[in-house]
């Protein structure tokens, strides 16, 4: 447990207040387009296609995608992250929507107040979590399913370390991030992502964009609906 906690701390330690001031420029402006070869607009399109009026954001970053996607209609928005700096920055960015804010580790069971959500986003989160994709994604999805409406959608994106073409700059930066514990995705594969989704959702989709896989899953399979929501 101590090793896992240490790995989790290393993964989000980079998101200091100063670091977050450069996040949008470096990650969403430079890295996505020129290194990971997946323009930020592709992820924004995913948000605009699936964001609902009752939404849970897990791994909130700077709140960029929520700010760009939320409309003026009444919404319930909840932010969940282990990093207080991210929660502070994102909540200020969408302050007009009065978000609920919870701090916690998604690799541990999640306790949220209120009802279930129609949409849950886990964007650019999985590649930062320690462990193999099939193990960490299992935990993340199974901790979130109790908070998802039966016909709700989970969507997001993650940077893969396998099953993709990685340009030289991508290989170098990915190797550096893994050495520092910022990423843990060297063994993360497209097949593992598809298996996690297909086991839990009646309908799912994955789309490879450069080094990134964009995904969504909708409609819980009966096994998981009964097991995690208590409904028959």
C-alpha atoms as a PDB file:
ATOM      1  CA  UNK A   1       0.000   0.000   0.000  1.00  0.00           C
ATOM      2  CA  UNK A   2       2.834   2.393   0.782  1.00  0.00           C
ATOM      3  CA  UNK A   3       4.396   1.862  -2.639  1.00  0.00           C
ATOM      4  CA  UNK A   4       1.079   2.473  -4.384  1.00  0.00           C
ATOM      5  CA  UNK A   5       0.411   5.628  -2.390  1.00  0.00           C
ATOM      6  CA  UNK A   6       3.896   6.890  -3.230  1.00  0.00           C
ATOM      7  CA  UNK A   7       3.310   6.201  -6.932  1.00  0.00           C
ATOM      8  CA  UNK A   8      -0.004   8.058  -6.832  1.00  0.00           C
ATOM      9  CA  UNK A   9       1.642  11.029  -5.123  1.00  0.00           C
ATOM     10  CA  UNK A  10       4.392  11.119  -7.756  1.00  0.00           C
ATOM     11  CA  UNK A  11       1.818  11.091 -10.544  1.00  0.00           C
ATOM     12  CA  UNK A  12       0.019  14.241  -9.451  1.00  0.00           C
ATOM     13  CA  UNK A  13       2.881  16.108  -7.733  1.00  0.00           C
ATOM     14  CA  UNK A  14       3.648  17.930 -10.999  1.00  0.00           C
ATOM     15  CA  UNK A  15       0.292  19.729 -10.832  1.00  0.00           C
ATOM     16  CA  UNK A  16       1.395  22.618  -8.662  1.00  0.00           C
ATOM     17  CA  UNK A  17      -0.227  26.035  -8.968  1.00  0.00           C
ATOM     18  CA  UNK A  18       2.730  27.196 -11.022  1.00  0.00           C
ATOM     19  CA  UNK A  19       2.677  24.090 -13.188  1.00  0.00           C
ATOM     20  CA  UNK A  20      -1.037  24.437 -13.885  1.00  0.00           C
ATOM     21  CA  UNK A  21      -0.458  27.976 -15.129  1.00  0.00           C
ATOM     22  CA  UNK A  22       1.358  26.425 -18.110  1.00  0.00           C
ATOM     23  CA  UNK A  23      -0.803  23.321 -18.502  1.00  0.00           C
ATOM     24  CA  UNK A  24      -3.167  24.593 -21.189  1.00  0.00           C
ATOM     25  CA  UNK A  25      -0.309  25.986 -23.276  1.00  0.00           C
ATOM     26  CA  UNK A  26       1.975  22.960 -22.985  1.00  0.00           C
ATOM     27  CA  UNK A  27      -0.418  20.004 -22.860  1.00  0.00           C
ATOM     28  CA  UNK A  28      -3.442  21.260 -24.797  1.00  0.00           C
ATOM     29  CA  UNK A  29      -1.581  23.598 -27.134  1.00  0.00           C
ATOM     30  CA  UNK A  30       1.819  22.048 -27.856  1.00  0.00           C
ATOM     31  CA  UNK A  31       1.851  18.399 -26.758  1.00  0.00           C
ATOM     32  CA  UNK A  32      -1.500  17.313 -28.143  1.00  0.00           C
ATOM     33  CA  UNK A  33      -0.946  18.705 -31.630  1.00  0.00           C
ATOM     34  CA  UNK A  34       2.783  18.281 -32.149  1.00  0.00           C
ATOM     35  CA  UNK A  35       3.801  15.358 -29.927  1.00  0.00           C
ATOM     36  CA  UNK A  36       0.793  13.094 -29.270  1.00  0.00           C
ATOM     37  CA  UNK A  37      -0.623  13.972 -32.715  1.00  0.00           C
ATOM     38  CA  UNK A  38      -4.198  14.372 -31.475  1.00  0.00           C
ATOM     39  CA  UNK A  39      -5.520  17.898 -31.613  1.00  0.00           C
ATOM     40  CA  UNK A  40      -7.280  19.167 -28.492  1.00  0.00           C
ATOM     41  CA  UNK A  41     -10.382  19.841 -30.598  1.00  0.00           C
ATOM     42  CA  UNK A  42     -10.905  16.075 -30.910  1.00  0.00           C
ATOM     43  CA  UNK A  43     -11.228  15.769 -27.139  1.00  0.00           C
ATOM     44  CA  UNK A  44     -13.432  18.848 -27.012  1.00  0.00           C
ATOM     45  CA  UNK A  45     -15.724  17.249 -29.602  1.00  0.00           C
ATOM     46  CA  UNK A  46     -15.999  14.202 -27.319  1.00  0.00           C
ATOM     47  CA  UNK A  47     -17.109  16.418 -24.438  1.00  0.00           C
ATOM     48  CA  UNK A  48     -19.642  18.291 -26.505  1.00  0.00           C
ATOM     49  CA  UNK A  49     -21.113  15.006 -27.735  1.00  0.00           C
ATOM     50  CA  UNK A  50     -21.534  13.359 -24.330  1.00  0.00           C
ATOM     51  CA  UNK A  51     -21.658  16.004 -21.588  1.00  0.00           C
ATOM     52  CA  UNK A  52     -25.014  15.836 -19.789  1.00  0.00           C
ATOM     53  CA  UNK A  53     -26.950  18.060 -17.399  1.00  0.00           C
ATOM     54  CA  UNK A  54     -25.790  15.860 -14.495  1.00  0.00           C
ATOM     55  CA  UNK A  55     -22.049  15.407 -14.880  1.00  0.00           C
ATOM     56  CA  UNK A  56     -19.120  14.085 -12.814  1.00  0.00           C
ATOM     57  CA  UNK A  57     -15.607  15.124 -13.836  1.00  0.00           C
ATOM     58  CA  UNK A  58     -12.851  12.846 -12.505  1.00  0.00           C
ATOM     59  CA  UNK A  59      -9.305  14.117 -12.934  1.00  0.00           C
ATOM     60  CA  UNK A  60     -10.239  17.727 -13.592  1.00  0.00           C
ATOM     61  CA  UNK A  61      -7.033  19.230 -14.977  1.00  0.00           C
ATOM     62  CA  UNK A  62      -7.558  22.975 -15.303  1.00  0.00           C
ATOM     63  CA  UNK A  63     -11.259  22.779 -16.148  1.00  0.00           C
ATOM     64  CA  UNK A  64     -10.592  23.735 -19.778  1.00  0.00           C
ATOM     65  CA  UNK A  65     -12.949  21.225 -21.374  1.00  0.00           C
ATOM     66  CA  UNK A  66     -15.791  21.956 -18.971  1.00  0.00           C
ATOM     67  CA  UNK A  67     -15.457  25.694 -19.503  1.00  0.00           C
ATOM     68  CA  UNK A  68     -15.607  25.210 -23.268  1.00  0.00           C
ATOM     69  CA  UNK A  69     -18.493  22.709 -23.174  1.00  0.00           C
ATOM     70  CA  UNK A  70     -20.900  23.779 -20.443  1.00  0.00           C
ATOM     71  CA  UNK A  71     -23.891  25.785 -21.610  1.00  0.00           C
ATOM     72  CA  UNK A  72     -25.916  28.308 -19.645  1.00  0.00           C
ATOM     73  CA  UNK A  73     -28.701  25.857 -18.856  1.00  0.00           C
ATOM     74  CA  UNK A  74     -29.077  24.564 -15.325  1.00  0.00           C
ATOM     75  CA  UNK A  75     -26.600  21.752 -14.629  1.00  0.00           C
ATOM     76  CA  UNK A  76     -25.282  19.644 -11.802  1.00  0.00           C
ATOM     77  CA  UNK A  77     -21.502  19.502 -12.067  1.00  0.00           C
ATOM     78  CA  UNK A  78     -19.252  17.629  -9.649  1.00  0.00           C
ATOM     79  CA  UNK A  79     -15.457  17.772  -9.630  1.00  0.00           C
ATOM     80  CA  UNK A  80     -13.416  14.891  -8.197  1.00  0.00           C
ATOM     81  CA  UNK A  81      -9.624  14.854  -7.982  1.00  0.00           C
ATOM     82  CA  UNK A  82      -6.830  13.942  -5.592  1.00  0.00           C
ATOM     83  CA  UNK A  83      -5.011  17.215  -6.255  1.00  0.00           C
ATOM     84  CA  UNK A  84      -6.312  20.301  -4.452  1.00  0.00           C
ATOM     85  CA  UNK A  85      -4.581  22.677  -6.882  1.00  0.00           C
ATOM     86  CA  UNK A  86      -6.478  21.157  -9.795  1.00  0.00           C
ATOM     87  CA  UNK A  87      -9.763  21.303  -7.912  1.00  0.00           C
ATOM     88  CA  UNK A  88      -9.207  24.945  -6.999  1.00  0.00           C
ATOM     89  CA  UNK A  89      -8.306  26.012 -10.531  1.00  0.00           C
ATOM     90  CA  UNK A  90     -11.096  24.073 -12.229  1.00  0.00           C
ATOM     91  CA  UNK A  91     -13.773  25.156  -9.756  1.00  0.00           C
ATOM     92  CA  UNK A  92     -12.840  28.817 -10.209  1.00  0.00           C
ATOM     93  CA  UNK A  93     -12.910  28.400 -13.973  1.00  0.00           C
ATOM     94  CA  UNK A  94     -16.527  27.174 -13.931  1.00  0.00           C
ATOM     95  CA  UNK A  95     -17.602  29.029 -10.792  1.00  0.00           C
ATOM     96  CA  UNK A  96     -20.767  30.251 -12.513  1.00  0.00           C
ATOM     97  CA  UNK A  97     -22.048  26.658 -12.555  1.00  0.00           C
ATOM     98  CA  UNK A  98     -21.526  26.261  -8.776  1.00  0.00           C
ATOM     99  CA  UNK A  99     -19.724  22.909  -8.951  1.00  0.00           C
ATOM    100  CA  UNK A 100     -19.631  20.434  -6.089  1.00  0.00           C
ATOM    101  CA  UNK A 101     -16.025  19.628  -5.179  1.00  0.00           C
ATOM    102  CA  UNK A 102     -14.662  16.389  -3.703  1.00  0.00           C
ATOM    103  CA  UNK A 103     -11.071  15.390  -3.045  1.00  0.00           C
ATOM    104  CA  UNK A 104     -10.171  11.711  -3.199  1.00  0.00           C
ATOM    105  CA  UNK A 105      -8.135   8.924  -4.761  1.00  0.00           C
ATOM    106  CA  UNK A 106     -10.021   7.270  -7.627  1.00  0.00           C
ATOM    107  CA  UNK A 107      -8.096   4.034  -7.015  1.00  0.00           C
ATOM    108  CA  UNK A 108     -10.015   3.756  -3.755  1.00  0.00           C
ATOM    109  CA  UNK A 109     -13.822   3.454  -3.340  1.00  0.00           C
ATOM    110  CA  UNK A 110     -15.581   6.750  -4.076  1.00  0.00           C
ATOM    111  CA  UNK A 111     -18.136   8.219  -1.694  1.00  0.00           C
ATOM    112  CA  UNK A 112     -20.171  11.028  -3.269  1.00  0.00           C
ATOM    113  CA  UNK A 113     -23.321  12.664  -2.002  1.00  0.00           C
ATOM    114  CA  UNK A 114     -26.488  12.964  -4.049  1.00  0.00           C
ATOM    115  CA  UNK A 115     -27.886  10.888  -6.872  1.00  0.00           C
ATOM    116  CA  UNK A 116     -26.228   9.231  -9.813  1.00  0.00           C
ATOM    117  CA  UNK A 117     -24.880  10.999 -12.890  1.00  0.00           C
ATOM    118  CA  UNK A 118     -25.879  10.851 -16.546  1.00  0.00           C
ATOM    119  CA  UNK A 119     -22.284  11.404 -17.673  1.00  0.00           C
ATOM    120  CA  UNK A 120     -18.856  10.824 -16.149  1.00  0.00           C
ATOM    121  CA  UNK A 121     -15.596  11.985 -17.746  1.00  0.00           C
ATOM    122  CA  UNK A 122     -12.179  10.444 -17.065  1.00  0.00           C
ATOM    123  CA  UNK A 123     -10.076  12.465 -19.431  1.00  0.00           C
ATOM    124  CA  UNK A 124      -6.259  12.156 -19.562  1.00  0.00           C
ATOM    125  CA  UNK A 125      -6.421  10.307 -16.255  1.00  0.00           C
ATOM    126  CA  UNK A 126      -5.642   6.629 -16.814  1.00  0.00           C
ATOM    127  CA  UNK A 127      -2.151   7.122 -18.245  1.00  0.00           C
ATOM    128  CA  UNK A 128      -1.193   9.031 -15.074  1.00  0.00           C
ATOM    129  CA  UNK A 129      -2.296   6.287 -12.672  1.00  0.00           C
ATOM    130  CA  UNK A 130       0.228   3.654 -11.547  1.00  0.00           C
ATOM    131  CA  UNK A 131      -0.148   0.071 -12.686  1.00  0.00           C
ATOM    132  CA  UNK A 132      -1.226  -1.874 -15.765  1.00  0.00           C
ATOM    133  CA  UNK A 133      -4.155  -0.449 -17.703  1.00  0.00           C
ATOM    134  CA  UNK A 134      -6.319  -3.529 -17.242  1.00  0.00           C
ATOM    135  CA  UNK A 135      -5.868  -3.292 -13.454  1.00  0.00           C
ATOM    136  CA  UNK A 136      -6.167   0.449 -12.887  1.00  0.00           C
ATOM    137  CA  UNK A 137      -9.010   0.878 -15.374  1.00  0.00           C
ATOM    138  CA  UNK A 138     -10.908  -1.951 -13.675  1.00  0.00           C
ATOM    139  CA  UNK A 139     -10.649  -0.108 -10.363  1.00  0.00           C
ATOM    140  CA  UNK A 140     -11.578   3.271 -11.831  1.00  0.00           C
ATOM    141  CA  UNK A 141     -14.647   2.026 -13.681  1.00  0.00           C
ATOM    142  CA  UNK A 142     -15.836  -0.165 -10.833  1.00  0.00           C
ATOM    143  CA  UNK A 143     -15.519   2.714  -8.367  1.00  0.00           C
ATOM    144  CA  UNK A 144     -17.518   4.982 -10.675  1.00  0.00           C
ATOM    145  CA  UNK A 145     -20.272   2.610 -11.839  1.00  0.00           C
ATOM    146  CA  UNK A 146     -22.283   2.943  -8.592  1.00  0.00           C
ATOM    147  CA  UNK A 147     -22.517   6.676  -9.356  1.00  0.00           C
ATOM    148  CA  UNK A 148     -23.585   6.243 -13.007  1.00  0.00           C
ATOM    149  CA  UNK A 149     -27.187   6.122 -14.165  1.00  0.00           C
ATOM    150  CA  UNK A 150     -28.088   2.835 -15.874  1.00  0.00           C
ATOM    151  CA  UNK A 151     -28.261   4.551 -19.265  1.00  0.00           C
ATOM    152  CA  UNK A 152     -25.477   6.998 -18.497  1.00  0.00           C
ATOM    153  CA  UNK A 153     -22.198   7.364 -20.377  1.00  0.00           C
ATOM    154  CA  UNK A 154     -18.570   7.257 -19.287  1.00  0.00           C
ATOM    155  CA  UNK A 155     -16.196   8.960 -21.695  1.00  0.00           C
ATOM    156  CA  UNK A 156     -12.672  10.242 -21.900  1.00  0.00           C
ATOM    157  CA  UNK A 157      -9.255   9.723 -23.407  1.00  0.00           C
ATOM    158  CA  UNK A 158      -5.867   8.337 -22.458  1.00  0.00           C
ATOM    159  CA  UNK A 159      -2.402   8.188 -23.978  1.00  0.00           C
ATOM    160  CA  UNK A 160      -1.331   4.666 -24.909  1.00  0.00           C
ATOM    161  CA  UNK A 161       2.115   3.138 -24.722  1.00  0.00           C
ATOM    162  CA  UNK A 162       1.340   0.129 -26.958  1.00  0.00           C
ATOM    163  CA  UNK A 163      -0.604  -0.751 -30.127  1.00  0.00           C
ATOM    164  CA  UNK A 164       0.031   2.682 -31.667  1.00  0.00           C
ATOM    165  CA  UNK A 165       2.548   4.433 -33.904  1.00  0.00           C
ATOM    166  CA  UNK A 166       4.697   6.675 -31.708  1.00  0.00           C
ATOM    167  CA  UNK A 167       6.791   9.370 -33.404  1.00  0.00           C
ATOM    168  CA  UNK A 168      10.278   9.987 -32.029  1.00  0.00           C
ATOM    169  CA  UNK A 169       9.275  12.999 -29.919  1.00  0.00           C
ATOM    170  CA  UNK A 170       6.365  11.035 -28.463  1.00  0.00           C
ATOM    171  CA  UNK A 171       8.634   8.122 -27.533  1.00  0.00           C
ATOM    172  CA  UNK A 172      11.156  10.432 -25.885  1.00  0.00           C
ATOM    173  CA  UNK A 173       8.622  12.464 -23.914  1.00  0.00           C
ATOM    174  CA  UNK A 174       6.663   9.361 -22.886  1.00  0.00           C
ATOM    175  CA  UNK A 175       9.859   7.707 -21.659  1.00  0.00           C
ATOM    176  CA  UNK A 176      10.778  10.819 -19.661  1.00  0.00           C
ATOM    177  CA  UNK A 177       7.331  11.106 -18.083  1.00  0.00           C
ATOM    178  CA  UNK A 178       7.366   7.413 -17.145  1.00  0.00           C
ATOM    179  CA  UNK A 179      10.811   7.752 -15.562  1.00  0.00           C
ATOM    180  CA  UNK A 180       9.520  10.586 -13.378  1.00  0.00           C
ATOM    181  CA  UNK A 181       6.306   8.786 -12.434  1.00  0.00           C
ATOM    182  CA  UNK A 182       4.137  11.406 -14.161  1.00  0.00           C
ATOM    183  CA  UNK A 183       2.944   8.737 -16.609  1.00  0.00           C
ATOM    184  CA  UNK A 184       2.599   5.012 -16.035  1.00  0.00           C
ATOM    185  CA  UNK A 185       1.517   3.844 -19.486  1.00  0.00           C
ATOM    186  CA  UNK A 186       4.329   1.850 -21.080  1.00  0.00           C
ATOM    187  CA  UNK A 187       2.179  -1.303 -21.077  1.00  0.00           C
ATOM    188  CA  UNK A 188      -1.175   0.438 -21.694  1.00  0.00           C
ATOM    189  CA  UNK A 189      -2.743  -1.123 -24.783  1.00  0.00           C
ATOM    190  CA  UNK A 190      -5.779  -0.569 -26.959  1.00  0.00           C
ATOM    191  CA  UNK A 191      -6.881  -4.147 -26.367  1.00  0.00           C
ATOM    192  CA  UNK A 192      -6.950  -3.661 -22.600  1.00  0.00           C
ATOM    193  CA  UNK A 193      -9.064  -0.526 -22.984  1.00  0.00           C
ATOM    194  CA  UNK A 194     -11.541  -2.319 -25.220  1.00  0.00           C
ATOM    195  CA  UNK A 195     -11.813  -5.266 -22.824  1.00  0.00           C
ATOM    196  CA  UNK A 196     -12.588  -3.046 -19.844  1.00  0.00           C
ATOM    197  CA  UNK A 197     -15.309  -1.234 -21.794  1.00  0.00           C
ATOM    198  CA  UNK A 198     -16.876  -4.298 -23.419  1.00  0.00           C
ATOM    199  CA  UNK A 199     -17.216  -6.112 -20.087  1.00  0.00           C
ATOM    200  CA  UNK A 200     -19.212  -3.264 -18.550  1.00  0.00           C
ATOM    201  CA  UNK A 201     -21.184  -1.553 -21.297  1.00  0.00           C
ATOM    202  CA  UNK A 202     -23.663  -2.742 -23.900  1.00  0.00           C
ATOM    203  CA  UNK A 203     -22.429  -0.092 -26.320  1.00  0.00           C
ATOM    204  CA  UNK A 204     -18.928   1.327 -26.486  1.00  0.00           C
ATOM    205  CA  UNK A 205     -16.569   2.992 -28.910  1.00  0.00           C
ATOM    206  CA  UNK A 206     -12.830   3.596 -29.156  1.00  0.00           C
ATOM    207  CA  UNK A 207     -11.061   5.861 -31.628  1.00  0.00           C
ATOM    208  CA  UNK A 208      -7.294   6.044 -31.985  1.00  0.00           C
ATOM    209  CA  UNK A 209      -5.983   9.525 -32.687  1.00  0.00           C
ATOM    210  CA  UNK A 210      -2.204   9.599 -32.833  1.00  0.00           C
ATOM    211  CA  UNK A 211      -0.973   8.325 -29.456  1.00  0.00           C
ATOM    212  CA  UNK A 212      -4.379   8.906 -27.851  1.00  0.00           C
ATOM    213  CA  UNK A 213      -7.424   6.671 -27.635  1.00  0.00           C
ATOM    214  CA  UNK A 214     -10.756   8.454 -27.223  1.00  0.00           C
ATOM    215  CA  UNK A 215     -13.496   6.258 -25.781  1.00  0.00           C
ATOM    216  CA  UNK A 216     -17.018   6.094 -24.459  1.00  0.00           C
ATOM    217  CA  UNK A 217     -19.222   3.414 -22.942  1.00  0.00           C
ATOM    218  CA  UNK A 218     -22.987   3.589 -22.489  1.00  0.00           C
ATOM    219  CA  UNK A 219     -25.656   1.345 -20.982  1.00  0.00           C
ATOM    220  CA  UNK A 220     -24.471  -0.888 -18.143  1.00  0.00           C
ATOM    221  CA  UNK A 221     -24.541  -4.602 -18.742  1.00  0.00           C
ATOM    222  CA  UNK A 222     -26.961  -6.404 -16.437  1.00  0.00           C
ATOM    223  CA  UNK A 223     -24.193  -8.080 -14.427  1.00  0.00           C
ATOM    224  CA  UNK A 224     -22.628  -4.773 -13.488  1.00  0.00           C
ATOM    225  CA  UNK A 225     -25.937  -2.990 -13.034  1.00  0.00           C
ATOM    226  CA  UNK A 226     -27.028  -5.571 -10.469  1.00  0.00           C
ATOM    227  CA  UNK A 227     -23.662  -5.809  -8.766  1.00  0.00           C
ATOM    228  CA  UNK A 228     -22.903  -2.129  -8.311  1.00  0.00           C
ATOM    229  CA  UNK A 229     -26.200  -0.258  -8.360  1.00  0.00           C
ATOM    230  CA  UNK A 230     -28.307  -2.773  -6.463  1.00  0.00           C
ATOM    231  CA  UNK A 231     -30.990  -2.788  -9.154  1.00  0.00           C
ATOM    232  CA  UNK A 232     -32.494  -5.898 -10.720  1.00  0.00           C
END
